[in-house]
Amino acid sequence: MIKYWPEKQGVNLDNEVVNLFRYAYSKLDTNLHNNTSCILSTDIINIRIKRELFKVVLYELEILVLDIIELNLTLEELKIVIKKITIDLIKKSMDNFYLLIQVQSINVSQFYHLERFCDSNLFLENFLIYLIFGSNTFASNNVLFLEINIPVKYIEVLLDNLVIQISNIVFLNCITNQLSLSSLLIFLISHNLCNDTYISIKSLATFRNNLVWQDLIDYYLIQPKIIYNNRCKVWLLTPEGLSCKYIYACRESDFFKLSNLQLMIILLLELQDFLFPKINNIIINLSKILIYTWGYCFNQFFKLLLKSIFCVFRAKK
């Protein structure tokens, strides 16, 4: 039996929010190994630290929901300040993680690049609206899921995705704030953060290069493509470990949040969809003509050859 998320504010919604976070905390005690081919910055740290980082982010999300409820923000006010809320959430998660591993927090000015992470991949706005106002808020214009009745499982997916992606952003900043590979290695080893796989400068260099390369590809190529195809990539906490899936979602509004280069990628995809079928048909038709022409010429040549051989034998007789 499918259990649906409450449509409006009330006791039922409050109880579901409590159950949602309780269940999320329980999932953090399972396997947190990354079972995908996608690289996460948290892959470099051991499972114990990863679990603590996930708990820090989950706790900050819980506090955020309570703060918004206490402030009694309207839906319009929430949409206006969502970018600031996202940045503050990442900052607080990072500060508390540094506090946990007993490292001095970095200066606020070093967060200048966090705005790039305030895109639709986190789905924080959708998540907060569902938790605070209920699923009926999107009944007339559902900006994420097409269903009018939203299964509880969908909300669990949004929370899993938030915890994993924000944790990835937090530790990605930890990595990029180290000026050299040697300082990164010292940082990881001195605070007992490092996974045994990455205990050399060579392995760290390979990991960081792959991470940077994947980040560029995801941001400029994959993200525009999945938005164009009305898909979204979500990360899941499963008993087998971390996994990711592409699910269908309404992404029309996300076009306006893309950079010029990302929009250029979508334009190229449009041209590909328009031109490639026609070019493909032209190539197929030309191939058929060439094959027919080659077959006809070969047939005529073969007939001429047989005729010549026949004439030679006839002349000898």
C-alpha atoms as a PDB file:
ATOM      1  CA  MET A   1       0.000   0.000   0.000  1.00  0.00           C
ATOM      2  CA  ILE A   2       1.379   3.387  -1.034  1.00  0.00           C
ATOM      3  CA  LYS A   3       1.523   5.995   1.721  1.00  0.00           C
ATOM      4  CA  TYR A   4       1.038   9.586   0.554  1.00  0.00           C
ATOM      5  CA  TRP A   5       2.436  12.821   1.935  1.00  0.00           C
ATOM      6  CA  PRO A   6      -0.114  15.088   3.727  1.00  0.00           C
ATOM      7  CA  GLU A   7      -1.632  17.738   1.474  1.00  0.00           C
ATOM      8  CA  LYS A   8      -1.834  20.600   3.978  1.00  0.00           C
ATOM      9  CA  GLN A   9      -0.485  21.869   7.286  1.00  0.00           C
ATOM     10  CA  GLY A  10      -1.624  20.153  10.444  1.00  0.00           C
ATOM     11  CA  VAL A  11      -0.878  17.405  12.942  1.00  0.00           C
ATOM     12  CA  ASN A  12      -0.554  14.752  10.219  1.00  0.00           C
ATOM     13  CA  LEU A  13       2.097  16.776   8.399  1.00  0.00           C
ATOM     14  CA  ASP A  14       4.026  17.399  11.628  1.00  0.00           C
ATOM     15  CA  ASN A  15       4.011  13.678  12.447  1.00  0.00           C
ATOM     16  CA  GLU A  16       5.213  12.759   8.962  1.00  0.00           C
ATOM     17  CA  VAL A  17       8.084  15.256   9.225  1.00  0.00           C
ATOM     18  CA  VAL A  18       9.165  13.719  12.549  1.00  0.00           C
ATOM     19  CA  ASN A  19       8.964  10.202  11.103  1.00  0.00           C
ATOM     20  CA  LEU A  20      10.859  11.301   7.997  1.00  0.00           C
ATOM     21  CA  PHE A  21      13.880  12.538   9.951  1.00  0.00           C
ATOM     22  CA  ARG A  22      13.777   9.608  12.366  1.00  0.00           C
ATOM     23  CA  TYR A  23      13.907   7.173   9.455  1.00  0.00           C
ATOM     24  CA  ALA A  24      16.700   9.172   7.786  1.00  0.00           C
ATOM     25  CA  TYR A  25      18.851   8.963  10.935  1.00  0.00           C
ATOM     26  CA  SER A  26      18.340   5.188  11.049  1.00  0.00           C
ATOM     27  CA  LYS A  27      19.540   4.851   7.438  1.00  0.00           C
ATOM     28  CA  LEU A  28      22.855   6.466   8.370  1.00  0.00           C
ATOM     29  CA  ASP A  29      23.724   3.377  10.422  1.00  0.00           C
ATOM     30  CA  THR A  30      23.755   1.216   7.269  1.00  0.00           C
ATOM     31  CA  ASN A  31      26.379   0.878   4.526  1.00  0.00           C
ATOM     32  CA  LEU A  32      27.521   4.303   3.246  1.00  0.00           C
ATOM     33  CA  HIS A  33      29.921   3.068   0.565  1.00  0.00           C
ATOM     34  CA  ASN A  34      29.556   4.740  -2.838  1.00  0.00           C
ATOM     35  CA  ASN A  35      28.402   1.994  -5.214  1.00  0.00           C
ATOM     36  CA  THR A  36      28.242   4.178  -8.323  1.00  0.00           C
ATOM     37  CA  SER A  37      30.749   5.155 -10.993  1.00  0.00           C
ATOM     38  CA  CYS A  38      30.240   8.816 -10.026  1.00  0.00           C
ATOM     39  CA  ILE A  39      32.900  10.285  -7.754  1.00  0.00           C
ATOM     40  CA  LEU A  40      31.942  12.095  -4.553  1.00  0.00           C
ATOM     41  CA  SER A  41      34.348  14.171  -2.484  1.00  0.00           C
ATOM     42  CA  THR A  42      33.274  12.110   0.544  1.00  0.00           C
ATOM     43  CA  ASP A  43      34.722   8.965  -1.076  1.00  0.00           C
ATOM     44  CA  ILE A  44      38.104  10.035   0.218  1.00  0.00           C
ATOM     45  CA  ILE A  45      37.127   9.893   3.902  1.00  0.00           C
ATOM     46  CA  ASN A  46      36.538   6.839   6.054  1.00  0.00           C
ATOM     47  CA  ILE A  47      33.060   5.558   6.835  1.00  0.00           C
ATOM     48  CA  ARG A  48      33.047   6.796  10.436  1.00  0.00           C
ATOM     49  CA  ILE A  49      33.753  10.402   9.442  1.00  0.00           C
ATOM     50  CA  LYS A  50      31.365  10.164   6.502  1.00  0.00           C
ATOM     51  CA  ARG A  51      28.591   9.021   8.836  1.00  0.00           C
ATOM     52  CA  GLU A  52      29.291  11.933  11.198  1.00  0.00           C
ATOM     53  CA  LEU A  53      29.271  14.399   8.291  1.00  0.00           C
ATOM     54  CA  PHE A  54      25.926  13.062   7.066  1.00  0.00           C
ATOM     55  CA  LYS A  55      24.529  13.421  10.589  1.00  0.00           C
ATOM     56  CA  VAL A  56      25.741  17.026  10.766  1.00  0.00           C
ATOM     57  CA  VAL A  57      23.970  17.886   7.501  1.00  0.00           C
ATOM     58  CA  LEU A  58      20.808  16.033   8.496  1.00  0.00           C
ATOM     59  CA  TYR A  59      20.754  17.843  11.838  1.00  0.00           C
ATOM     60  CA  GLU A  60      21.168  21.227  10.118  1.00  0.00           C
ATOM     61  CA  LEU A  61      18.271  20.398   7.783  1.00  0.00           C
ATOM     62  CA  GLU A  62      16.129  19.499  10.772  1.00  0.00           C
ATOM     63  CA  ILE A  63      16.989  22.785  12.496  1.00  0.00           C
ATOM     64  CA  LEU A  64      16.313  24.693   9.268  1.00  0.00           C
ATOM     65  CA  VAL A  65      12.786  23.284   8.989  1.00  0.00           C
ATOM     66  CA  LEU A  66      12.059  24.188  12.620  1.00  0.00           C
ATOM     67  CA  ASP A  67      13.436  27.725  12.157  1.00  0.00           C
ATOM     68  CA  ILE A  68      11.290  28.383   9.076  1.00  0.00           C
ATOM     69  CA  ILE A  69       8.193  27.114  10.887  1.00  0.00           C
ATOM     70  CA  GLU A  70       9.002  29.334  13.871  1.00  0.00           C
ATOM     71  CA  LEU A  71       9.524  32.378  11.625  1.00  0.00           C
ATOM     72  CA  ASN A  72       6.149  31.636  10.009  1.00  0.00           C
ATOM     73  CA  LEU A  73       7.404  32.444   6.514  1.00  0.00           C
ATOM     74  CA  THR A  74       4.886  32.492   3.694  1.00  0.00           C
ATOM     75  CA  LEU A  75       5.431  30.527   0.494  1.00  0.00           C
ATOM     76  CA  GLU A  76       6.368  33.700  -1.412  1.00  0.00           C
ATOM     77  CA  GLU A  77       8.838  34.789   1.277  1.00  0.00           C
ATOM     78  CA  LEU A  78      10.449  31.353   1.286  1.00  0.00           C
ATOM     79  CA  LYS A  79      10.971  31.462  -2.489  1.00  0.00           C
ATOM     80  CA  ILE A  80      12.595  34.899  -2.222  1.00  0.00           C
ATOM     81  CA  VAL A  81      15.165  33.869   0.420  1.00  0.00           C
ATOM     82  CA  ILE A  82      15.797  30.280  -0.735  1.00  0.00           C
ATOM     83  CA  LYS A  83      19.212  31.138  -2.190  1.00  0.00           C
ATOM     84  CA  LYS A  84      20.375  32.707   1.068  1.00  0.00           C
ATOM     85  CA  ILE A  85      18.932  29.759   2.997  1.00  0.00           C
ATOM     86  CA  THR A  86      20.881  27.316   0.822  1.00  0.00           C
ATOM     87  CA  ILE A  87      24.184  29.138   1.311  1.00  0.00           C
ATOM     88  CA  ASP A  88      23.601  29.457   5.065  1.00  0.00           C
ATOM     89  CA  LEU A  89      22.798  25.752   5.278  1.00  0.00           C
ATOM     90  CA  ILE A  90      26.066  24.829   3.566  1.00  0.00           C
ATOM     91  CA  LYS A  91      28.037  27.275   5.729  1.00  0.00           C
ATOM     92  CA  LYS A  92      26.556  25.987   8.976  1.00  0.00           C
ATOM     93  CA  SER A  93      27.108  22.386   7.930  1.00  0.00           C
ATOM     94  CA  MET A  94      30.720  23.159   7.130  1.00  0.00           C
ATOM     95  CA  ASP A  95      31.297  25.075  10.375  1.00  0.00           C
ATOM     96  CA  ASN A  96      29.849  22.248  12.455  1.00  0.00           C
ATOM     97  CA  PHE A  97      31.858  19.662  10.547  1.00  0.00           C
ATOM     98  CA  TYR A  98      35.063  21.618  11.197  1.00  0.00           C
ATOM     99  CA  LEU A  99      34.055  21.842  14.835  1.00  0.00           C
ATOM    100  CA  LEU A 100      33.499  18.088  14.906  1.00  0.00           C
ATOM    101  CA  ILE A 101      36.970  17.290  13.563  1.00  0.00           C
ATOM    102  CA  GLN A 102      38.478  20.092  15.660  1.00  0.00           C
ATOM    103  CA  VAL A 103      39.659  22.284  12.821  1.00  0.00           C
ATOM    104  CA  GLN A 104      39.476  26.057  12.720  1.00  0.00           C
ATOM    105  CA  SER A 105      36.614  27.149  10.480  1.00  0.00           C
ATOM    106  CA  ILE A 106      37.527  28.933   7.267  1.00  0.00           C
ATOM    107  CA  ASN A 107      36.803  32.589   6.680  1.00  0.00           C
ATOM    108  CA  VAL A 108      33.369  33.484   5.316  1.00  0.00           C
ATOM    109  CA  SER A 109      34.942  35.230   2.324  1.00  0.00           C
ATOM    110  CA  GLN A 110      36.177  31.851   1.112  1.00  0.00           C
ATOM    111  CA  PHE A 111      32.579  30.808   0.441  1.00  0.00           C
ATOM    112  CA  TYR A 112      32.340  33.065  -2.624  1.00  0.00           C
ATOM    113  CA  HIS A 113      31.856  30.118  -4.980  1.00  0.00           C
ATOM    114  CA  LEU A 114      28.991  28.521  -3.049  1.00  0.00           C
ATOM    115  CA  GLU A 115      26.392  30.323  -5.174  1.00  0.00           C
ATOM    116  CA  ARG A 116      27.123  27.870  -7.964  1.00  0.00           C
ATOM    117  CA  PHE A 117      25.691  25.112  -5.793  1.00  0.00           C
ATOM    118  CA  CYS A 118      22.406  26.956  -5.236  1.00  0.00           C
ATOM    119  CA  ASP A 119      20.864  25.393  -8.312  1.00  0.00           C
ATOM    120  CA  SER A 120      17.979  23.026  -8.757  1.00  0.00           C
ATOM    121  CA  ASN A 121      20.075  19.888  -8.222  1.00  0.00           C
ATOM    122  CA  LEU A 122      19.564  20.148  -4.480  1.00  0.00           C
ATOM    123  CA  PHE A 123      15.778  20.603  -4.727  1.00  0.00           C
ATOM    124  CA  LEU A 124      15.908  22.309  -1.329  1.00  0.00           C
ATOM    125  CA  GLU A 125      13.049  24.665  -2.164  1.00  0.00           C
ATOM    126  CA  ASN A 126      10.751  21.789  -3.149  1.00  0.00           C
ATOM    127  CA  PHE A 127      11.756  19.819  -0.077  1.00  0.00           C
ATOM    128  CA  LEU A 128      11.042  22.687   2.336  1.00  0.00           C
ATOM    129  CA  ILE A 129       7.704  23.491   0.710  1.00  0.00           C
ATOM    130  CA  TYR A 130       6.564  19.875   1.016  1.00  0.00           C
ATOM    131  CA  LEU A 131       7.623  19.696   4.666  1.00  0.00           C
ATOM    132  CA  ILE A 132       6.218  23.051   5.739  1.00  0.00           C
ATOM    133  CA  PHE A 133       3.143  23.580   3.556  1.00  0.00           C
ATOM    134  CA  GLY A 134       2.223  20.079   2.369  1.00  0.00           C
ATOM    135  CA  SER A 135       1.916  18.561  -1.101  1.00  0.00           C
ATOM    136  CA  ASN A 136      -1.257  20.478  -2.036  1.00  0.00           C
ATOM    137  CA  THR A 137       0.877  23.582  -2.611  1.00  0.00           C
ATOM    138  CA  PHE A 138       1.875  22.165  -5.994  1.00  0.00           C
ATOM    139  CA  ALA A 139      -1.551  20.771  -6.923  1.00  0.00           C
ATOM    140  CA  SER A 140      -2.170  23.354  -9.624  1.00  0.00           C
ATOM    141  CA  ASN A 141       1.427  23.800 -10.774  1.00  0.00           C
ATOM    142  CA  ASN A 142       3.607  20.963  -9.618  1.00  0.00           C
ATOM    143  CA  VAL A 143       7.168  22.075 -10.338  1.00  0.00           C
ATOM    144  CA  LEU A 144       8.828  18.769  -9.579  1.00  0.00           C
ATOM    145  CA  PHE A 145       6.619  15.686  -9.533  1.00  0.00           C
ATOM    146  CA  LEU A 146       3.679  15.262 -11.897  1.00  0.00           C
ATOM    147  CA  GLU A 147       1.566  13.334  -9.407  1.00  0.00           C
ATOM    148  CA  ILE A 148      -1.059  15.258  -7.435  1.00  0.00           C
ATOM    149  CA  ASN A 149      -0.731  12.834  -4.533  1.00  0.00           C
ATOM    150  CA  ILE A 150       2.944  12.615  -3.582  1.00  0.00           C
ATOM    151  CA  PRO A 151       4.134   9.307  -2.087  1.00  0.00           C
ATOM    152  CA  VAL A 152       6.138   9.572   1.132  1.00  0.00           C
ATOM    153  CA  LYS A 153       8.917   7.706  -0.679  1.00  0.00           C
ATOM    154  CA  TYR A 154       9.409  10.717  -2.975  1.00  0.00           C
ATOM    155  CA  ILE A 155      10.033  12.990   0.012  1.00  0.00           C
ATOM    156  CA  GLU A 156      12.485  10.447   1.433  1.00  0.00           C
ATOM    157  CA  VAL A 157      14.358  10.570  -1.875  1.00  0.00           C
ATOM    158  CA  LEU A 158      14.585  14.380  -1.694  1.00  0.00           C
ATOM    159  CA  LEU A 159      15.983  14.193   1.844  1.00  0.00           C
ATOM    160  CA  ASP A 160      18.523  11.490   0.927  1.00  0.00           C
ATOM    161  CA  ASN A 161      19.631  13.562  -2.046  1.00  0.00           C
ATOM    162  CA  LEU A 162      20.040  16.685   0.087  1.00  0.00           C
ATOM    163  CA  VAL A 163      22.113  14.936   2.752  1.00  0.00           C
ATOM    164  CA  ILE A 164      24.473  13.317   0.244  1.00  0.00           C
ATOM    165  CA  GLN A 165      24.869  16.324  -2.064  1.00  0.00           C
ATOM    166  CA  ILE A 166      25.390  18.896   0.694  1.00  0.00           C
ATOM    167  CA  SER A 167      27.906  16.579   2.374  1.00  0.00           C
ATOM    168  CA  ASN A 168      29.667  16.353  -0.974  1.00  0.00           C
ATOM    169  CA  ILE A 169      29.741  20.160  -1.259  1.00  0.00           C
ATOM    170  CA  VAL A 170      31.034  20.530   2.302  1.00  0.00           C
ATOM    171  CA  PHE A 171      33.965  18.193   1.861  1.00  0.00           C
ATOM    172  CA  LEU A 172      34.645  19.449  -1.658  1.00  0.00           C
ATOM    173  CA  ASN A 173      35.293  22.827  -0.045  1.00  0.00           C
ATOM    174  CA  CYS A 174      37.565  21.152   2.491  1.00  0.00           C
ATOM    175  CA  ILE A 175      39.602  19.709  -0.372  1.00  0.00           C
ATOM    176  CA  THR A 176      39.761  22.878  -2.480  1.00  0.00           C
ATOM    177  CA  ASN A 177      40.794  24.987   0.523  1.00  0.00           C
ATOM    178  CA  GLN A 178      44.018  22.988   0.792  1.00  0.00           C
ATOM    179  CA  LEU A 179      46.587  24.806  -1.325  1.00  0.00           C
ATOM    180  CA  SER A 180      48.691  21.752  -2.165  1.00  0.00           C
ATOM    181  CA  LEU A 181      48.474  17.971  -2.275  1.00  0.00           C
ATOM    182  CA  SER A 182      50.921  17.653   0.595  1.00  0.00           C
ATOM    183  CA  SER A 183      48.813  19.950   2.796  1.00  0.00           C
ATOM    184  CA  LEU A 184      45.709  17.958   1.837  1.00  0.00           C
ATOM    185  CA  LEU A 185      47.430  14.702   2.792  1.00  0.00           C
ATOM    186  CA  ILE A 186      48.548  16.178   6.125  1.00  0.00           C
ATOM    187  CA  PHE A 187      45.025  17.497   6.745  1.00  0.00           C
ATOM    188  CA  LEU A 188      43.463  14.079   6.106  1.00  0.00           C
ATOM    189  CA  ILE A 189      45.980  12.027   8.081  1.00  0.00           C
ATOM    190  CA  SER A 190      46.363  14.376  11.060  1.00  0.00           C
ATOM    191  CA  HIS A 191      42.603  14.384  11.682  1.00  0.00           C
ATOM    192  CA  ASN A 192      42.099  10.672  10.964  1.00  0.00           C
ATOM    193  CA  LEU A 193      39.812  11.407   8.020  1.00  0.00           C
ATOM    194  CA  CYS A 194      41.488   9.493   5.243  1.00  0.00           C
ATOM    195  CA  ASN A 195      40.238   6.352   3.597  1.00  0.00           C
ATOM    196  CA  ASP A 196      43.053   3.766   3.378  1.00  0.00           C
ATOM    197  CA  THR A 197      42.872   3.928  -0.418  1.00  0.00           C
ATOM    198  CA  TYR A 198      44.098   7.540  -0.456  1.00  0.00           C
ATOM    199  CA  ILE A 199      47.194   7.669   1.725  1.00  0.00           C
ATOM    200  CA  SER A 200      49.677   8.814  -0.922  1.00  0.00           C
ATOM    201  CA  ILE A 201      50.138  12.042  -2.847  1.00  0.00           C
ATOM    202  CA  LYS A 202      49.810  10.178  -6.154  1.00  0.00           C
ATOM    203  CA  SER A 203      46.413   8.690  -5.272  1.00  0.00           C
ATOM    204  CA  LEU A 204      45.238  12.059  -3.936  1.00  0.00           C
ATOM    205  CA  ALA A 205      46.321  13.794  -7.158  1.00  0.00           C
ATOM    206  CA  THR A 206      44.409  11.287  -9.267  1.00  0.00           C
ATOM    207  CA  PHE A 207      41.339  11.596  -7.055  1.00  0.00           C
ATOM    208  CA  ARG A 208      41.315  15.408  -7.062  1.00  0.00           C
ATOM    209  CA  ASN A 209      41.858  15.630 -10.826  1.00  0.00           C
ATOM    210  CA  ASN A 210      39.024  13.170 -11.468  1.00  0.00           C
ATOM    211  CA  LEU A 211      36.809  15.101  -9.060  1.00  0.00           C
ATOM    212  CA  VAL A 212      37.455  18.444 -10.759  1.00  0.00           C
ATOM    213  CA  TRP A 213      36.984  16.956 -14.230  1.00  0.00           C
ATOM    214  CA  GLN A 214      33.717  15.265 -13.250  1.00  0.00           C
ATOM    215  CA  ASP A 215      32.447  18.465 -11.645  1.00  0.00           C
ATOM    216  CA  LEU A 216      33.032  20.414 -14.877  1.00  0.00           C
ATOM    217  CA  ILE A 217      31.376  17.756 -17.026  1.00  0.00           C
ATOM    218  CA  ASP A 218      28.383  17.506 -14.682  1.00  0.00           C
ATOM    219  CA  TYR A 219      27.851  21.250 -14.519  1.00  0.00           C
ATOM    220  CA  TYR A 220      28.320  22.177 -18.178  1.00  0.00           C
ATOM    221  CA  LEU A 221      27.240  19.023 -20.034  1.00  0.00           C
ATOM    222  CA  ILE A 222      25.233  16.545 -17.990  1.00  0.00           C
ATOM    223  CA  GLN A 223      23.078  18.994 -16.033  1.00  0.00           C
ATOM    224  CA  PRO A 224      21.788  20.889 -19.131  1.00  0.00           C
ATOM    225  CA  LYS A 225      21.120  17.567 -20.833  1.00  0.00           C
ATOM    226  CA  ILE A 226      19.043  16.113 -17.981  1.00  0.00           C
ATOM    227  CA  ILE A 227      17.103  19.379 -17.637  1.00  0.00           C
ATOM    228  CA  TYR A 228      16.444  19.313 -21.384  1.00  0.00           C
ATOM    229  CA  ASN A 229      15.160  15.726 -21.041  1.00  0.00           C
ATOM    230  CA  ASN A 230      13.002  16.579 -17.989  1.00  0.00           C
ATOM    231  CA  ARG A 231      15.054  14.366 -15.712  1.00  0.00           C
ATOM    232  CA  CYS A 232      16.761  14.881 -12.398  1.00  0.00           C
ATOM    233  CA  LYS A 233      19.644  13.021 -10.807  1.00  0.00           C
ATOM    234  CA  VAL A 234      19.035  12.045  -7.194  1.00  0.00           C
ATOM    235  CA  TRP A 235      21.250  10.270  -4.687  1.00  0.00           C
ATOM    236  CA  LEU A 236      19.794   7.590  -2.422  1.00  0.00           C
ATOM    237  CA  LEU A 237      20.703   6.021   0.909  1.00  0.00           C
ATOM    238  CA  THR A 238      20.129   2.297   0.488  1.00  0.00           C
ATOM    239  CA  PRO A 239      21.086  -0.749   2.609  1.00  0.00           C
ATOM    240  CA  GLU A 240      23.639  -1.631  -0.106  1.00  0.00           C
ATOM    241  CA  GLY A 241      25.246   1.832   0.004  1.00  0.00           C
ATOM    242  CA  LEU A 242      24.960   5.124  -1.860  1.00  0.00           C
ATOM    243  CA  SER A 243      23.315   4.950  -5.263  1.00  0.00           C
ATOM    244  CA  CYS A 244      22.011   7.460  -7.795  1.00  0.00           C
ATOM    245  CA  LYS A 245      19.115   7.381 -10.226  1.00  0.00           C
ATOM    246  CA  TYR A 246      17.631   9.567 -12.928  1.00  0.00           C
ATOM    247  CA  ILE A 247      13.928  10.170 -12.381  1.00  0.00           C
ATOM    248  CA  TYR A 248      11.330  12.079 -14.394  1.00  0.00           C
ATOM    249  CA  ALA A 249      10.535  15.573 -13.133  1.00  0.00           C
ATOM    250  CA  CYS A 250       9.166  18.875 -14.422  1.00  0.00           C
ATOM    251  CA  ARG A 251      12.230  21.034 -15.146  1.00  0.00           C
ATOM    252  CA  GLU A 252      10.808  23.834 -17.322  1.00  0.00           C
ATOM    253  CA  SER A 253      11.431  26.517 -14.697  1.00  0.00           C
ATOM    254  CA  ASP A 254      15.069  25.438 -14.367  1.00  0.00           C
ATOM    255  CA  PHE A 255      15.882  26.707 -17.862  1.00  0.00           C
ATOM    256  CA  PHE A 256      15.897  30.264 -16.504  1.00  0.00           C
ATOM    257  CA  LYS A 257      18.529  29.338 -13.896  1.00  0.00           C
ATOM    258  CA  LEU A 258      21.093  28.062 -16.392  1.00  0.00           C
ATOM    259  CA  SER A 259      24.201  29.977 -17.408  1.00  0.00           C
ATOM    260  CA  ASN A 260      24.788  31.140 -20.980  1.00  0.00           C
ATOM    261  CA  LEU A 261      27.156  28.264 -21.672  1.00  0.00           C
ATOM    262  CA  GLN A 262      24.654  25.745 -20.318  1.00  0.00           C
ATOM    263  CA  LEU A 263      21.949  27.260 -22.523  1.00  0.00           C
ATOM    264  CA  MET A 264      24.323  26.913 -25.462  1.00  0.00           C
ATOM    265  CA  ILE A 265      24.584  23.194 -24.694  1.00  0.00           C
ATOM    266  CA  ILE A 266      20.781  22.926 -24.771  1.00  0.00           C
ATOM    267  CA  LEU A 267      20.714  24.808 -28.084  1.00  0.00           C
ATOM    268  CA  LEU A 268      23.181  22.277 -29.491  1.00  0.00           C
ATOM    269  CA  LEU A 269      20.951  19.475 -28.231  1.00  0.00           C
ATOM    270  CA  GLU A 270      17.987  21.091 -29.984  1.00  0.00           C
ATOM    271  CA  LEU A 271      19.989  21.313 -33.208  1.00  0.00           C
ATOM    272  CA  GLN A 272      21.049  17.721 -32.759  1.00  0.00           C
ATOM    273  CA  ASP A 273      17.430  16.590 -32.412  1.00  0.00           C
ATOM    274  CA  PHE A 274      16.433  18.654 -35.450  1.00  0.00           C
ATOM    275  CA  LEU A 275      19.348  18.000 -37.798  1.00  0.00           C
ATOM    276  CA  PHE A 276      20.617  14.545 -36.941  1.00  0.00           C
ATOM    277  CA  PRO A 277      17.478  12.633 -38.048  1.00  0.00           C
ATOM    278  CA  LYS A 278      17.494  14.495 -41.364  1.00  0.00           C
ATOM    279  CA  ILE A 279      21.230  14.003 -41.849  1.00  0.00           C
ATOM    280  CA  ASN A 280      20.795  10.371 -40.911  1.00  0.00           C
ATOM    281  CA  ASN A 281      18.046   9.948 -43.536  1.00  0.00           C
ATOM    282  CA  ILE A 282      20.216  11.632 -46.170  1.00  0.00           C
ATOM    283  CA  ILE A 283      23.138   9.340 -45.346  1.00  0.00           C
ATOM    284  CA  ILE A 284      20.886   6.266 -45.474  1.00  0.00           C
ATOM    285  CA  ASN A 285      19.407   7.290 -48.839  1.00  0.00           C
ATOM    286  CA  LEU A 286      22.842   8.095 -50.270  1.00  0.00           C
ATOM    287  CA  SER A 287      24.100   4.740 -49.030  1.00  0.00           C
ATOM    288  CA  LYS A 288      21.197   2.983 -50.760  1.00  0.00           C
ATOM    289  CA  ILE A 289      21.913   4.869 -53.998  1.00  0.00           C
ATOM    290  CA  LEU A 290      25.623   4.053 -53.811  1.00  0.00           C
ATOM    291  CA  ILE A 291      24.911   0.391 -53.079  1.00  0.00           C
ATOM    292  CA  TYR A 292      22.432   0.211 -55.972  1.00  0.00           C
ATOM    293  CA  THR A 293      24.845   2.013 -58.314  1.00  0.00           C
ATOM    294  CA  TRP A 294      27.750  -0.205 -57.279  1.00  0.00           C
ATOM    295  CA  GLY A 295      25.583  -3.317 -57.691  1.00  0.00           C
ATOM    296  CA  TYR A 296      24.378  -2.192 -61.113  1.00  0.00           C
ATOM    297  CA  CYS A 297      27.903  -1.380 -62.309  1.00  0.00           C
ATOM    298  CA  PHE A 298      29.243  -4.674 -60.971  1.00  0.00           C
ATOM    299  CA  ASN A 299      26.397  -6.529 -62.676  1.00  0.00           C
ATOM    300  CA  GLN A 300      27.092  -4.816 -66.006  1.00  0.00           C
ATOM    301  CA  PHE A 301      30.820  -5.424 -65.658  1.00  0.00           C
ATOM    302  CA  PHE A 302      30.221  -9.099 -64.857  1.00  0.00           C
ATOM    303  CA  LYS A 303      27.925  -9.459 -67.901  1.00  0.00           C
ATOM    304  CA  LEU A 304      30.509  -7.750 -70.122  1.00  0.00           C
ATOM    305  CA  LEU A 305      33.240 -10.022 -68.754  1.00  0.00           C
ATOM    306  CA  LEU A 306      31.212 -13.156 -69.453  1.00  0.00           C
ATOM    307  CA  LYS A 307      30.368 -11.856 -72.920  1.00  0.00           C
ATOM    308  CA  SER A 308      34.065 -11.218 -73.644  1.00  0.00           C
ATOM    309  CA  ILE A 309      35.059 -14.681 -72.442  1.00  0.00           C
ATOM    310  CA  PHE A 310      32.329 -16.223 -74.574  1.00  0.00           C
ATOM    311  CA  CYS A 311      33.523 -14.281 -77.637  1.00  0.00           C
ATOM    312  CA  VAL A 312      37.142 -15.402 -77.053  1.00  0.00           C
ATOM    313  CA  PHE A 313      36.165 -19.072 -76.855  1.00  0.00           C
ATOM    314  CA  ARG A 314      33.981 -18.694 -79.934  1.00  0.00           C
ATOM    315  CA  ALA A 315      36.828 -17.092 -81.908  1.00  0.00           C
ATOM    316  CA  LYS A 316      39.202 -19.966 -81.032  1.00  0.00           C
ATOM    317  CA  LYS A 317      36.741 -22.505 -82.382  1.00  0.00           C
END
